[in-house]
Amino acid sequence: MRHNKKFNHLSRTASHRHAMLANMAISLIMHKRITTTLAKAKALKKYVEPLITKSKLDTTNSRRVVFSYLQNKYAVTELFKEISAKVADRPGGYTRIIKTGFRQGDNAQMCFIELVDYDENMAKTVAKKTRTRRSKKSAAKAEAAPAAETAATETVAPAEEKPATEEPAKAE
C-alpha cells in the first residue's frame, strides 16, 4: 500500500533525489530558466517555491535554512539579493512551467521551468509597439516624391501622357 506517499519519487533513492533537486534549484536560481522533463519540473516547483518564500525575510536563520537545502553560497546570495526583491509583492506562484513537446530518444514530455518575474521574452512581446507598413524614412521620401512628381507634370505637356485604357502589346 502507498498510503500518504504524495510526492513523486522520480525512480531515485532519497539521497539521489535530494541532490538532484538541489542542483536543479541552484541552476534555476542562477539561470532563471531551465529545460527538464515535466515530472522533474513539477517536483522542482514544490522544492524551490518554499525556498523563495523563505528568502523574502532576509534573516540569518532564513539564510541558514535555505543554505541547508541548496549548499551553494552564490545561489543563496542571488536568491536573497535579486530574486527576493523582485518577488517581494507576489503572494506565491514564483515559477511557471511551459510544455515544449517530447524528447526524441525516449518520448519523455519536456518543458521549461522559469521564474515568472524574469521572463524577458514575455516582457518584450508586451512592450513591443505595433509598426505601420512604412517606416519613417520611407514616409519622408514618399512625401517628397509626390511634390517632385507634381512639379514634373506641370512642365510636361498633357498630350504626352498615355491613356490608361490601352492594353499592353502582346509579345509573340
N, C-alpha and C. Protein backbone atom coordinates (compact mmCIF):
# COMPACT_ATOMS: atom_id res chain seq x y z
N MET A 1 0.84 -1.18 0.00
CA MET A 1 0.00 0.00 0.00
C MET A 1 0.88 1.24 0.00
N ARG A 2 0.38 2.29 -0.62
CA ARG A 2 1.16 3.53 -0.66
C ARG A 2 0.37 4.67 0.00
N HIS A 3 -0.11 4.43 1.18
CA HIS A 3 -0.84 5.48 1.88
C HIS A 3 0.09 6.62 2.26
N ASN A 4 -0.39 7.83 2.05
CA ASN A 4 0.29 9.06 2.47
C ASN A 4 1.67 9.23 1.84
N LYS A 5 1.83 8.76 0.62
CA LYS A 5 3.08 8.96 -0.12
C LYS A 5 2.73 9.84 -1.33
N LYS A 6 2.72 11.12 -1.11
CA LYS A 6 2.13 12.02 -2.09
C LYS A 6 3.10 12.61 -3.09
N PHE A 7 4.40 12.57 -2.83
CA PHE A 7 5.31 13.21 -3.77
C PHE A 7 5.89 12.18 -4.72
N ASN A 8 6.37 12.65 -5.86
CA ASN A 8 6.92 11.79 -6.89
C ASN A 8 8.35 11.40 -6.51
N HIS A 9 8.62 10.11 -6.47
CA HIS A 9 9.95 9.64 -6.09
C HIS A 9 10.94 9.69 -7.25
N LEU A 10 10.44 9.87 -8.48
CA LEU A 10 11.26 10.05 -9.68
C LEU A 10 12.21 8.87 -9.93
N SER A 11 11.87 7.69 -9.45
CA SER A 11 12.66 6.46 -9.65
C SER A 11 14.09 6.63 -9.15
N ARG A 12 14.26 7.28 -8.02
CA ARG A 12 15.58 7.51 -7.45
C ARG A 12 15.55 7.26 -5.95
N THR A 13 16.72 7.02 -5.39
CA THR A 13 16.81 6.92 -3.94
C THR A 13 16.62 8.30 -3.34
N ALA A 14 16.41 8.35 -2.05
CA ALA A 14 16.15 9.63 -1.39
C ALA A 14 17.33 10.58 -1.51
N SER A 15 18.54 10.05 -1.30
CA SER A 15 19.72 10.92 -1.37
C SER A 15 19.95 11.43 -2.79
N HIS A 16 19.74 10.57 -3.79
CA HIS A 16 19.89 11.00 -5.18
C HIS A 16 18.85 12.04 -5.55
N ARG A 17 17.62 11.84 -5.10
CA ARG A 17 16.54 12.78 -5.39
C ARG A 17 16.81 14.14 -4.74
N HIS A 18 17.26 14.16 -3.50
CA HIS A 18 17.55 15.43 -2.82
C HIS A 18 18.70 16.16 -3.50
N ALA A 19 19.73 15.42 -3.88
CA ALA A 19 20.87 16.05 -4.57
C ALA A 19 20.46 16.60 -5.93
N MET A 20 19.64 15.84 -6.66
CA MET A 20 19.19 16.28 -7.99
C MET A 20 18.31 17.53 -7.88
N LEU A 21 17.39 17.53 -6.94
CA LEU A 21 16.52 18.70 -6.79
C LEU A 21 17.30 19.93 -6.32
N ALA A 22 18.30 19.73 -5.47
CA ALA A 22 19.13 20.86 -5.04
C ALA A 22 19.92 21.42 -6.22
N ASN A 23 20.49 20.55 -7.04
CA ASN A 23 21.23 21.02 -8.21
C ASN A 23 20.34 21.72 -9.21
N MET A 24 19.14 21.20 -9.41
CA MET A 24 18.20 21.84 -10.34
C MET A 24 17.74 23.19 -9.79
N ALA A 25 17.55 23.27 -8.47
CA ALA A 25 17.14 24.54 -7.86
C ALA A 25 18.24 25.59 -8.00
N ILE A 26 19.49 25.17 -7.83
CA ILE A 26 20.62 26.09 -8.00
C ILE A 26 20.67 26.59 -9.44
N SER A 27 20.50 25.67 -10.40
CA SER A 27 20.51 26.07 -11.81
C SER A 27 19.36 27.02 -12.13
N LEU A 28 18.20 26.76 -11.57
CA LEU A 28 17.05 27.64 -11.80
C LEU A 28 17.30 29.02 -11.22
N ILE A 29 17.87 29.09 -10.05
CA ILE A 29 18.14 30.38 -9.41
C ILE A 29 19.20 31.16 -10.18
N MET A 30 20.24 30.48 -10.63
CA MET A 30 21.33 31.16 -11.33
C MET A 30 20.96 31.54 -12.76
N HIS A 31 20.23 30.69 -13.47
CA HIS A 31 19.95 30.93 -14.89
C HIS A 31 18.53 31.42 -15.16
N LYS A 32 17.67 31.38 -14.18
CA LYS A 32 16.29 31.87 -14.25
C LYS A 32 15.37 31.01 -15.12
N ARG A 33 15.92 30.09 -15.92
CA ARG A 33 15.09 29.20 -16.75
C ARG A 33 15.91 27.96 -17.07
N ILE A 34 15.30 26.79 -16.91
CA ILE A 34 15.98 25.56 -17.28
C ILE A 34 15.01 24.66 -18.05
N THR A 35 15.56 23.76 -18.83
CA THR A 35 14.78 22.79 -19.58
C THR A 35 14.93 21.43 -18.91
N THR A 36 13.82 20.76 -18.66
CA THR A 36 13.84 19.47 -17.99
C THR A 36 12.56 18.71 -18.34
N THR A 37 12.41 17.52 -17.77
CA THR A 37 11.18 16.77 -18.01
C THR A 37 10.06 17.34 -17.15
N LEU A 38 8.85 17.03 -17.53
CA LEU A 38 7.70 17.59 -16.82
C LEU A 38 7.63 17.08 -15.38
N ALA A 39 7.92 15.80 -15.16
CA ALA A 39 7.86 15.24 -13.80
C ALA A 39 8.89 15.90 -12.89
N LYS A 40 10.11 16.10 -13.40
CA LYS A 40 11.14 16.76 -12.59
C LYS A 40 10.78 18.21 -12.35
N ALA A 41 10.18 18.88 -13.32
CA ALA A 41 9.80 20.28 -13.16
C ALA A 41 8.73 20.43 -12.08
N LYS A 42 7.77 19.52 -12.05
CA LYS A 42 6.73 19.59 -11.03
C LYS A 42 7.31 19.34 -9.64
N ALA A 43 8.26 18.40 -9.55
CA ALA A 43 8.91 18.14 -8.27
C ALA A 43 9.77 19.34 -7.85
N LEU A 44 10.44 19.95 -8.82
CA LEU A 44 11.29 21.12 -8.53
C LEU A 44 10.45 22.30 -8.07
N LYS A 45 9.28 22.46 -8.65
CA LYS A 45 8.40 23.56 -8.26
C LYS A 45 8.03 23.46 -6.77
N LYS A 46 7.72 22.25 -6.32
CA LYS A 46 7.39 22.06 -4.90
C LYS A 46 8.62 22.24 -4.01
N TYR A 47 9.80 22.04 -4.56
CA TYR A 47 11.04 22.16 -3.80
C TYR A 47 11.49 23.60 -3.68
N VAL A 48 11.39 24.37 -4.77
CA VAL A 48 12.01 25.69 -4.81
C VAL A 48 11.08 26.82 -4.35
N GLU A 49 9.78 26.66 -4.49
CA GLU A 49 8.87 27.75 -4.11
C GLU A 49 8.90 28.06 -2.61
N PRO A 50 8.96 27.07 -1.71
CA PRO A 50 9.11 27.42 -0.29
C PRO A 50 10.44 28.12 0.01
N LEU A 51 11.49 27.78 -0.76
CA LEU A 51 12.77 28.47 -0.54
C LEU A 51 12.68 29.94 -0.95
N ILE A 52 11.97 30.22 -2.03
CA ILE A 52 11.80 31.61 -2.47
C ILE A 52 10.96 32.37 -1.45
N THR A 53 9.93 31.73 -0.92
CA THR A 53 9.12 32.36 0.12
C THR A 53 9.98 32.66 1.35
N LYS A 54 10.85 31.72 1.70
CA LYS A 54 11.74 31.91 2.85
C LYS A 54 12.71 33.07 2.61
N SER A 55 13.09 33.29 1.34
CA SER A 55 14.06 34.34 1.04
C SER A 55 13.48 35.76 1.14
N LYS A 56 12.17 35.87 1.22
CA LYS A 56 11.57 37.20 1.36
C LYS A 56 11.96 37.85 2.68
N LEU A 57 12.15 37.05 3.72
CA LEU A 57 12.55 37.56 5.02
C LEU A 57 14.05 37.31 5.16
N ASP A 58 14.83 38.36 5.02
CA ASP A 58 16.29 38.23 4.99
C ASP A 58 16.85 38.25 6.41
N THR A 59 16.81 37.11 7.06
CA THR A 59 17.41 36.98 8.39
C THR A 59 18.49 35.91 8.32
N THR A 60 19.30 35.88 9.35
CA THR A 60 20.37 34.88 9.40
C THR A 60 19.79 33.47 9.42
N ASN A 61 18.72 33.28 10.16
CA ASN A 61 18.11 31.95 10.24
C ASN A 61 17.56 31.50 8.89
N SER A 62 16.87 32.40 8.19
CA SER A 62 16.32 32.01 6.90
C SER A 62 17.42 31.72 5.88
N ARG A 63 18.52 32.46 5.94
CA ARG A 63 19.66 32.17 5.07
C ARG A 63 20.25 30.79 5.38
N ARG A 64 20.34 30.46 6.65
CA ARG A 64 20.89 29.16 7.04
C ARG A 64 19.97 28.02 6.61
N VAL A 65 18.68 28.22 6.73
CA VAL A 65 17.73 27.19 6.31
C VAL A 65 17.82 26.97 4.80
N VAL A 66 17.85 28.05 4.03
CA VAL A 66 17.94 27.93 2.57
C VAL A 66 19.29 27.32 2.17
N PHE A 67 20.36 27.70 2.87
CA PHE A 67 21.68 27.12 2.56
C PHE A 67 21.72 25.63 2.87
N SER A 68 20.98 25.19 3.87
CA SER A 68 20.95 23.75 4.17
C SER A 68 20.31 22.96 3.04
N TYR A 69 19.41 23.59 2.28
CA TYR A 69 18.80 22.93 1.12
C TYR A 69 19.69 23.02 -0.12
N LEU A 70 20.30 24.18 -0.35
CA LEU A 70 20.99 24.41 -1.62
C LEU A 70 22.48 24.09 -1.57
N GLN A 71 23.16 24.37 -0.46
CA GLN A 71 24.60 24.12 -0.32
C GLN A 71 25.43 24.85 -1.38
N ASN A 72 25.01 26.06 -1.75
CA ASN A 72 25.75 26.87 -2.72
C ASN A 72 25.59 28.33 -2.31
N LYS A 73 26.68 28.94 -1.84
CA LYS A 73 26.57 30.30 -1.31
C LYS A 73 26.27 31.33 -2.39
N TYR A 74 26.70 31.08 -3.64
CA TYR A 74 26.41 32.02 -4.72
C TYR A 74 24.92 32.02 -5.07
N ALA A 75 24.34 30.84 -5.06
CA ALA A 75 22.90 30.75 -5.33
C ALA A 75 22.09 31.38 -4.20
N VAL A 76 22.53 31.18 -2.96
CA VAL A 76 21.83 31.78 -1.82
C VAL A 76 21.91 33.30 -1.89
N THR A 77 23.09 33.82 -2.24
CA THR A 77 23.25 35.27 -2.37
C THR A 77 22.36 35.82 -3.48
N GLU A 78 22.34 35.14 -4.62
CA GLU A 78 21.48 35.56 -5.74
C GLU A 78 20.01 35.55 -5.32
N LEU A 79 19.62 34.50 -4.60
CA LEU A 79 18.23 34.36 -4.18
C LEU A 79 17.82 35.47 -3.22
N PHE A 80 18.67 35.78 -2.25
CA PHE A 80 18.29 36.77 -1.25
C PHE A 80 18.46 38.21 -1.73
N LYS A 81 19.36 38.46 -2.68
CA LYS A 81 19.56 39.84 -3.12
C LYS A 81 18.65 40.21 -4.28
N GLU A 82 18.66 39.44 -5.35
CA GLU A 82 17.94 39.84 -6.56
C GLU A 82 16.53 39.26 -6.63
N ILE A 83 16.41 37.97 -6.45
CA ILE A 83 15.11 37.32 -6.66
C ILE A 83 14.11 37.74 -5.60
N SER A 84 14.54 37.81 -4.34
CA SER A 84 13.60 38.18 -3.28
C SER A 84 13.11 39.62 -3.45
N ALA A 85 13.93 40.49 -4.03
CA ALA A 85 13.49 41.87 -4.28
C ALA A 85 12.41 41.91 -5.37
N LYS A 86 12.55 41.05 -6.37
CA LYS A 86 11.56 41.05 -7.46
C LYS A 86 10.25 40.42 -7.05
N VAL A 87 10.28 39.42 -6.17
CA VAL A 87 9.06 38.72 -5.81
C VAL A 87 8.48 39.20 -4.48
N ALA A 88 8.94 40.33 -3.99
CA ALA A 88 8.52 40.79 -2.66
C ALA A 88 7.02 41.00 -2.55
N ASP A 89 6.37 41.48 -3.61
CA ASP A 89 4.93 41.75 -3.54
C ASP A 89 4.09 40.60 -4.06
N ARG A 90 4.70 39.54 -4.56
CA ARG A 90 3.97 38.40 -5.11
C ARG A 90 3.63 37.42 -3.98
N PRO A 91 2.36 37.01 -3.85
CA PRO A 91 1.98 36.13 -2.74
C PRO A 91 2.33 34.66 -2.95
N GLY A 92 2.81 34.29 -4.10
CA GLY A 92 3.15 32.90 -4.39
C GLY A 92 3.18 32.70 -5.88
N GLY A 93 3.41 31.49 -6.32
CA GLY A 93 3.45 31.22 -7.75
C GLY A 93 4.65 31.85 -8.42
N TYR A 94 5.84 31.55 -7.92
CA TYR A 94 7.05 32.20 -8.42
C TYR A 94 7.59 31.56 -9.68
N THR A 95 7.14 30.35 -9.99
CA THR A 95 7.66 29.63 -11.16
C THR A 95 6.54 29.34 -12.13
N ARG A 96 6.94 29.11 -13.38
CA ARG A 96 5.99 28.81 -14.45
C ARG A 96 6.54 27.61 -15.21
N ILE A 97 5.68 26.67 -15.56
CA ILE A 97 6.07 25.51 -16.36
C ILE A 97 5.43 25.64 -17.73
N ILE A 98 6.26 25.59 -18.78
CA ILE A 98 5.78 25.69 -20.15
C ILE A 98 6.17 24.41 -20.88
N LYS A 99 5.19 23.66 -21.33
CA LYS A 99 5.46 22.41 -22.02
C LYS A 99 6.01 22.69 -23.42
N THR A 100 7.04 21.93 -23.81
CA THR A 100 7.69 22.17 -25.10
C THR A 100 7.59 21.00 -26.07
N GLY A 101 7.07 19.88 -25.66
CA GLY A 101 6.96 18.75 -26.57
C GLY A 101 7.56 17.51 -25.95
N PHE A 102 8.01 16.60 -26.81
CA PHE A 102 8.51 15.32 -26.35
C PHE A 102 9.96 15.14 -26.76
N ARG A 103 10.74 14.47 -25.90
CA ARG A 103 12.15 14.22 -26.17
C ARG A 103 12.28 13.13 -27.23
N GLN A 104 13.27 13.28 -28.10
CA GLN A 104 13.44 12.39 -29.24
C GLN A 104 13.73 10.95 -28.80
N GLY A 105 14.61 10.74 -27.85
CA GLY A 105 15.08 9.40 -27.53
C GLY A 105 14.06 8.52 -26.85
N ASP A 106 13.42 9.03 -25.78
CA ASP A 106 12.52 8.19 -25.00
C ASP A 106 11.09 8.73 -24.95
N ASN A 107 10.81 9.77 -25.69
CA ASN A 107 9.47 10.36 -25.78
C ASN A 107 8.98 10.91 -24.43
N ALA A 108 9.91 11.35 -23.59
CA ALA A 108 9.54 11.96 -22.32
C ALA A 108 9.05 13.38 -22.59
N GLN A 109 8.03 13.79 -21.85
CA GLN A 109 7.48 15.12 -22.05
C GLN A 109 8.43 16.16 -21.46
N MET A 110 8.87 17.11 -22.30
CA MET A 110 9.84 18.13 -21.90
C MET A 110 9.14 19.46 -21.65
N CYS A 111 9.80 20.31 -20.87
CA CYS A 111 9.22 21.62 -20.56
C CYS A 111 10.32 22.56 -20.11
N PHE A 112 9.95 23.84 -20.08
CA PHE A 112 10.75 24.87 -19.44
C PHE A 112 10.17 25.07 -18.05
N ILE A 113 11.02 25.32 -17.09
CA ILE A 113 10.56 25.87 -15.82
C ILE A 113 11.34 27.16 -15.62
N GLU A 114 10.63 28.24 -15.33
CA GLU A 114 11.27 29.54 -15.24
C GLU A 114 10.68 30.34 -14.11
N LEU A 115 11.46 31.32 -13.66
CA LEU A 115 10.96 32.25 -12.66
C LEU A 115 10.07 33.26 -13.37
N VAL A 116 8.90 33.50 -12.83
CA VAL A 116 7.88 34.30 -13.52
C VAL A 116 8.34 35.73 -13.75
N ASP A 117 8.98 36.34 -12.78
CA ASP A 117 9.36 37.75 -12.89
C ASP A 117 10.58 37.97 -13.78
N TYR A 118 11.21 36.91 -14.23
CA TYR A 118 12.41 37.04 -15.05
C TYR A 118 12.18 36.62 -16.48
N ASP A 119 10.97 36.59 -16.95
CA ASP A 119 10.69 36.15 -18.32
C ASP A 119 10.85 37.32 -19.26
N GLU A 120 12.02 37.43 -19.90
CA GLU A 120 12.30 38.55 -20.80
C GLU A 120 11.50 38.44 -22.09
N ASN A 121 11.27 37.23 -22.57
CA ASN A 121 10.56 37.06 -23.84
C ASN A 121 9.12 37.55 -23.75
N MET A 122 8.44 37.25 -22.65
CA MET A 122 7.07 37.70 -22.48
C MET A 122 7.04 39.22 -22.30
N ALA A 123 8.00 39.77 -21.61
CA ALA A 123 8.05 41.22 -21.39
C ALA A 123 8.30 41.94 -22.71
N LYS A 124 9.11 41.37 -23.58
CA LYS A 124 9.39 42.01 -24.86
C LYS A 124 8.17 42.01 -25.76
N THR A 125 7.37 40.95 -25.73
CA THR A 125 6.20 40.90 -26.59
C THR A 125 5.13 41.88 -26.12
N VAL A 126 5.05 42.11 -24.81
CA VAL A 126 4.07 43.05 -24.29
C VAL A 126 4.49 44.48 -24.62
N ALA A 127 5.76 44.80 -24.50
CA ALA A 127 6.24 46.16 -24.71
C ALA A 127 6.44 46.50 -26.18
N LYS A 128 6.32 45.54 -27.07
CA LYS A 128 6.57 45.77 -28.48
C LYS A 128 5.48 46.65 -29.08
N LYS A 129 5.88 47.67 -29.82
CA LYS A 129 4.92 48.58 -30.44
C LYS A 129 4.49 48.03 -31.78
N THR A 130 3.27 48.36 -32.17
CA THR A 130 2.81 47.94 -33.49
C THR A 130 3.41 48.86 -34.53
N ARG A 131 3.88 48.27 -35.60
CA ARG A 131 4.53 49.04 -36.66
C ARG A 131 3.58 49.21 -37.83
N THR A 132 3.73 50.32 -38.51
CA THR A 132 2.97 50.52 -39.73
C THR A 132 3.73 49.91 -40.88
N ARG A 133 3.14 49.91 -42.04
CA ARG A 133 3.79 49.30 -43.20
C ARG A 133 4.99 50.11 -43.67
N ARG A 134 4.95 51.38 -43.44
CA ARG A 134 6.05 52.24 -43.89
C ARG A 134 6.87 52.69 -42.70
N SER A 135 8.13 52.74 -42.90
CA SER A 135 8.97 53.27 -41.84
C SER A 135 9.01 54.80 -41.96
N LYS A 136 9.61 55.45 -41.02
CA LYS A 136 9.64 56.91 -41.03
C LYS A 136 10.46 57.45 -42.19
N LYS A 137 11.54 56.77 -42.55
CA LYS A 137 12.38 57.22 -43.65
C LYS A 137 11.64 57.13 -44.97
N SER A 138 10.96 56.01 -45.20
CA SER A 138 10.24 55.86 -46.47
C SER A 138 9.04 56.79 -46.52
N ALA A 139 8.44 57.08 -45.37
CA ALA A 139 7.32 58.01 -45.34
C ALA A 139 7.79 59.42 -45.71
N ALA A 140 8.97 59.80 -45.25
CA ALA A 140 9.51 61.11 -45.60
C ALA A 140 9.83 61.18 -47.10
N LYS A 141 10.36 60.09 -47.65
CA LYS A 141 10.64 60.05 -49.09
C LYS A 141 9.34 60.06 -49.89
N ALA A 142 8.32 59.38 -49.38
CA ALA A 142 7.04 59.32 -50.08
C ALA A 142 6.38 60.71 -50.12
N GLU A 143 6.57 61.50 -49.07
CA GLU A 143 6.02 62.86 -49.07
C GLU A 143 6.77 63.74 -50.05
N ALA A 144 8.06 63.55 -50.16
CA ALA A 144 8.87 64.36 -51.06
C ALA A 144 8.63 63.96 -52.52
N ALA A 145 8.35 62.69 -52.77
CA ALA A 145 8.17 62.20 -54.14
C ALA A 145 6.93 62.80 -54.81
N PRO A 146 5.75 62.87 -54.17
CA PRO A 146 4.60 63.48 -54.86
C PRO A 146 4.83 64.95 -55.18
N ALA A 147 5.56 65.64 -54.34
CA ALA A 147 5.85 67.05 -54.61
C ALA A 147 6.71 67.18 -55.86
N ALA A 148 7.67 66.29 -56.03
CA ALA A 148 8.53 66.31 -57.22
C ALA A 148 7.73 65.90 -58.46
N GLU A 149 6.81 64.94 -58.33
CA GLU A 149 6.01 64.49 -59.46
C GLU A 149 5.07 65.59 -59.93
N THR A 150 4.48 66.32 -59.00
CA THR A 150 3.57 67.40 -59.41
C THR A 150 4.34 68.50 -60.13
N ALA A 151 5.55 68.77 -59.70
CA ALA A 151 6.36 69.79 -60.38
C ALA A 151 6.75 69.30 -61.77
N ALA A 152 7.02 68.03 -61.92
CA ALA A 152 7.41 67.47 -63.22
C ALA A 152 6.21 67.41 -64.17
N THR A 153 5.02 67.11 -63.69
CA THR A 153 3.84 67.01 -64.56
C THR A 153 3.40 68.39 -65.04
N GLU A 154 3.69 69.40 -64.28
CA GLU A 154 3.32 70.74 -64.72
C GLU A 154 4.17 71.18 -65.91
N THR A 155 5.41 70.75 -65.96
CA THR A 155 6.27 71.15 -67.08
C THR A 155 6.03 70.28 -68.31
N VAL A 156 5.55 69.05 -68.14
CA VAL A 156 5.31 68.15 -69.27
C VAL A 156 3.91 68.41 -69.81
N ALA A 157 3.80 68.41 -71.13
CA ALA A 157 2.51 68.65 -71.74
C ALA A 157 1.58 67.47 -71.51
N PRO A 158 0.27 67.70 -71.36
CA PRO A 158 -0.67 66.61 -71.10
C PRO A 158 -0.81 65.67 -72.31
N ALA A 159 -0.43 66.06 -73.51
CA ALA A 159 -0.59 65.21 -74.69
C ALA A 159 0.36 64.02 -74.65
N GLU A 160 1.45 64.10 -73.91
CA GLU A 160 2.41 63.01 -73.86
C GLU A 160 1.95 61.85 -72.98
N GLU A 161 0.97 62.07 -72.13
CA GLU A 161 0.50 61.01 -71.26
C GLU A 161 -0.29 59.98 -72.05
N LYS A 162 -0.11 58.70 -71.73
CA LYS A 162 -0.83 57.63 -72.40
C LYS A 162 -2.15 57.42 -71.68
N PRO A 163 -3.19 57.09 -72.43
CA PRO A 163 -4.45 56.78 -71.75
C PRO A 163 -4.33 55.46 -70.98
N ALA A 164 -5.02 55.34 -69.88
CA ALA A 164 -4.93 54.16 -69.02
C ALA A 164 -5.72 52.99 -69.55
N THR A 165 -6.60 53.20 -70.56
CA THR A 165 -7.47 52.13 -71.06
C THR A 165 -6.78 51.21 -72.06
N GLU A 166 -5.67 51.61 -72.64
CA GLU A 166 -4.99 50.79 -73.63
C GLU A 166 -4.37 49.56 -72.97
N GLU A 167 -4.43 48.42 -73.67
CA GLU A 167 -3.82 47.20 -73.17
C GLU A 167 -2.39 47.13 -73.70
N PRO A 168 -1.48 46.55 -72.94
CA PRO A 168 -0.11 46.44 -73.43
C PRO A 168 -0.04 45.47 -74.61
N ALA A 169 0.90 45.69 -75.48
CA ALA A 169 1.04 44.86 -76.67
C ALA A 169 1.50 43.49 -76.29
N LYS A 170 0.94 42.45 -76.98
CA LYS A 170 1.30 41.08 -76.67
C LYS A 170 2.58 40.71 -77.41
N ALA A 171 3.48 40.06 -76.69
CA ALA A 171 4.73 39.61 -77.30
C ALA A 171 4.50 38.20 -77.86
N GLU A 172 4.78 38.03 -79.18
CA GLU A 172 4.57 36.71 -79.78
C GLU A 172 5.85 36.05 -80.12
